[in-house]
């Protein structure tokens, strides 16, 4: 959420985003032309896309499907479905604890 003392007005942000989307230029190149940090402009584009239920940049370019899940989500699902994950996790913990004991570093679970 923009702060009240932001140096860029909401109108200027929206105009910049619309220009990027209409011109098919990259947010990074437009940011460079305008002398604005590229992360700032990319954030404006991301926020605009989310507010307007538009596909993300990756989805629009076909890099990522809208329903594609991350590796982290897949690992979590596997852990929930496969009881062997519990055993593996416990083995990792015990191995790590043994290595930490040897190195003298404390360990937390």
Protein backbone atom coordinates (compact mmCIF):
# COMPACT_ATOMS: atom_id res chain seq x y z
CA UNK A 1 0.00 0.00 0.00
CA UNK A 2 1.50 3.35 -1.00
CA UNK A 3 2.38 5.77 1.74
CA UNK A 4 0.86 9.24 1.90
CA UNK A 5 4.23 10.88 1.29
CA UNK A 6 4.99 8.90 -1.88
CA UNK A 7 6.66 10.87 -4.63
CA UNK A 8 4.59 9.11 -7.30
CA UNK A 9 0.87 9.78 -7.50
CA UNK A 10 -1.56 6.91 -8.03
CA UNK A 11 -2.47 8.45 -11.40
CA UNK A 12 1.16 8.51 -12.51
CA UNK A 13 1.60 4.90 -11.44
CA UNK A 14 -1.48 3.77 -13.33
CA UNK A 15 -0.47 5.69 -16.46
CA UNK A 16 2.96 4.09 -16.34
CA UNK A 17 1.49 0.59 -15.93
CA UNK A 18 -1.03 1.11 -18.74
CA UNK A 19 1.77 2.36 -20.99
CA UNK A 20 3.83 -0.75 -20.21
CA UNK A 21 0.92 -3.11 -20.85
CA UNK A 22 -0.22 -1.33 -24.03
CA UNK A 23 3.23 -0.85 -25.55
CA UNK A 24 4.44 -4.38 -24.72
CA UNK A 25 7.66 -2.80 -23.41
CA UNK A 26 9.28 -4.32 -20.37
CA UNK A 27 8.72 -2.70 -17.00
CA UNK A 28 12.49 -2.66 -16.51
CA UNK A 29 13.16 -0.73 -19.73
CA UNK A 30 10.40 1.80 -19.00
CA UNK A 31 11.69 2.23 -15.45
CA UNK A 32 15.17 2.91 -16.80
CA UNK A 33 13.82 5.46 -19.31
CA UNK A 34 11.92 7.22 -16.53
CA UNK A 35 14.76 7.08 -14.02
CA UNK A 36 12.74 5.05 -11.52
CA UNK A 37 13.98 1.94 -9.75
CA UNK A 38 12.93 -1.10 -11.79
CA UNK A 39 11.68 -2.95 -8.68
CA UNK A 40 9.31 -0.07 -7.99
CA UNK A 41 7.80 -0.14 -11.48
CA UNK A 42 7.61 -3.95 -11.53
CA UNK A 43 5.74 -3.77 -8.21
CA UNK A 44 3.25 -1.31 -9.72
CA UNK A 45 2.63 -3.67 -12.65
CA UNK A 46 2.22 -6.70 -10.35
CA UNK A 47 -0.22 -4.82 -8.11
CA UNK A 48 -2.22 -3.56 -11.10
CA UNK A 49 -2.46 -7.06 -12.59
CA UNK A 50 -3.67 -8.51 -9.28
CA UNK A 51 -6.24 -5.74 -8.67
CA UNK A 52 -7.64 -6.19 -12.16
CA UNK A 53 -7.62 -10.02 -12.14
CA UNK A 54 -5.11 -10.12 -14.98
CA UNK A 55 -2.66 -12.98 -15.46
CA UNK A 56 0.78 -12.50 -13.96
CA UNK A 57 3.70 -11.69 -16.24
CA UNK A 58 4.82 -15.34 -16.20
CA UNK A 59 1.28 -16.56 -16.96
CA UNK A 60 0.87 -14.05 -19.79
CA UNK A 61 4.18 -15.12 -21.35
CA UNK A 62 3.32 -18.81 -20.97
CA UNK A 63 6.17 -19.39 -18.53
CA UNK A 64 3.84 -20.56 -15.77
CA UNK A 65 0.33 -21.97 -15.91
CA UNK A 66 -2.21 -20.29 -13.67
CA UNK A 67 -2.83 -23.52 -11.77
CA UNK A 68 0.85 -24.53 -11.60
CA UNK A 69 2.02 -25.18 -8.06
CA UNK A 70 5.45 -24.49 -6.63
CA UNK A 71 7.96 -27.14 -5.64
CA UNK A 72 7.41 -26.17 -2.01
CA UNK A 73 3.67 -26.84 -2.33
CA UNK A 74 4.32 -30.23 -3.94
CA UNK A 75 6.73 -31.23 -1.19
CA UNK A 76 4.19 -30.21 1.43
CA UNK A 77 1.47 -32.26 -0.28
CA UNK A 78 3.79 -35.28 -0.42
CA UNK A 79 4.56 -34.92 3.26
CA UNK A 80 0.85 -34.89 4.07
CA UNK A 81 0.09 -37.92 1.91
CA UNK A 82 3.12 -40.13 2.44
CA UNK A 83 3.96 -41.25 6.00
CA UNK A 84 7.54 -42.01 4.95
CA UNK A 85 8.17 -38.24 4.93
CA UNK A 86 7.81 -38.22 8.70
CA UNK A 87 10.48 -40.89 9.00
CA UNK A 88 12.74 -39.05 6.56
CA UNK A 89 12.27 -35.78 8.42
CA UNK A 90 13.13 -37.44 11.74
CA UNK A 91 16.21 -39.06 10.20
CA UNK A 92 17.35 -35.68 8.89
CA UNK A 93 16.85 -34.12 12.31
CA UNK A 94 18.81 -36.82 14.09
CA UNK A 95 21.63 -36.71 11.54
CA UNK A 96 21.79 -32.94 11.84
CA UNK A 97 21.77 -33.17 15.65
CA UNK A 98 24.63 -35.67 15.57
CA UNK A 99 26.66 -33.43 13.24
CA UNK A 100 25.90 -30.38 15.40
CA UNK A 101 27.00 -32.24 18.52
CA UNK A 102 30.28 -33.09 16.84
CA UNK A 103 30.83 -29.49 15.75
CA UNK A 104 29.74 -28.04 19.12
CA UNK A 105 26.98 -25.91 17.63
CA UNK A 106 23.61 -25.92 19.45
CA UNK A 107 20.56 -27.22 17.59
CA UNK A 108 16.90 -26.35 17.86
CA UNK A 109 13.91 -28.23 16.56
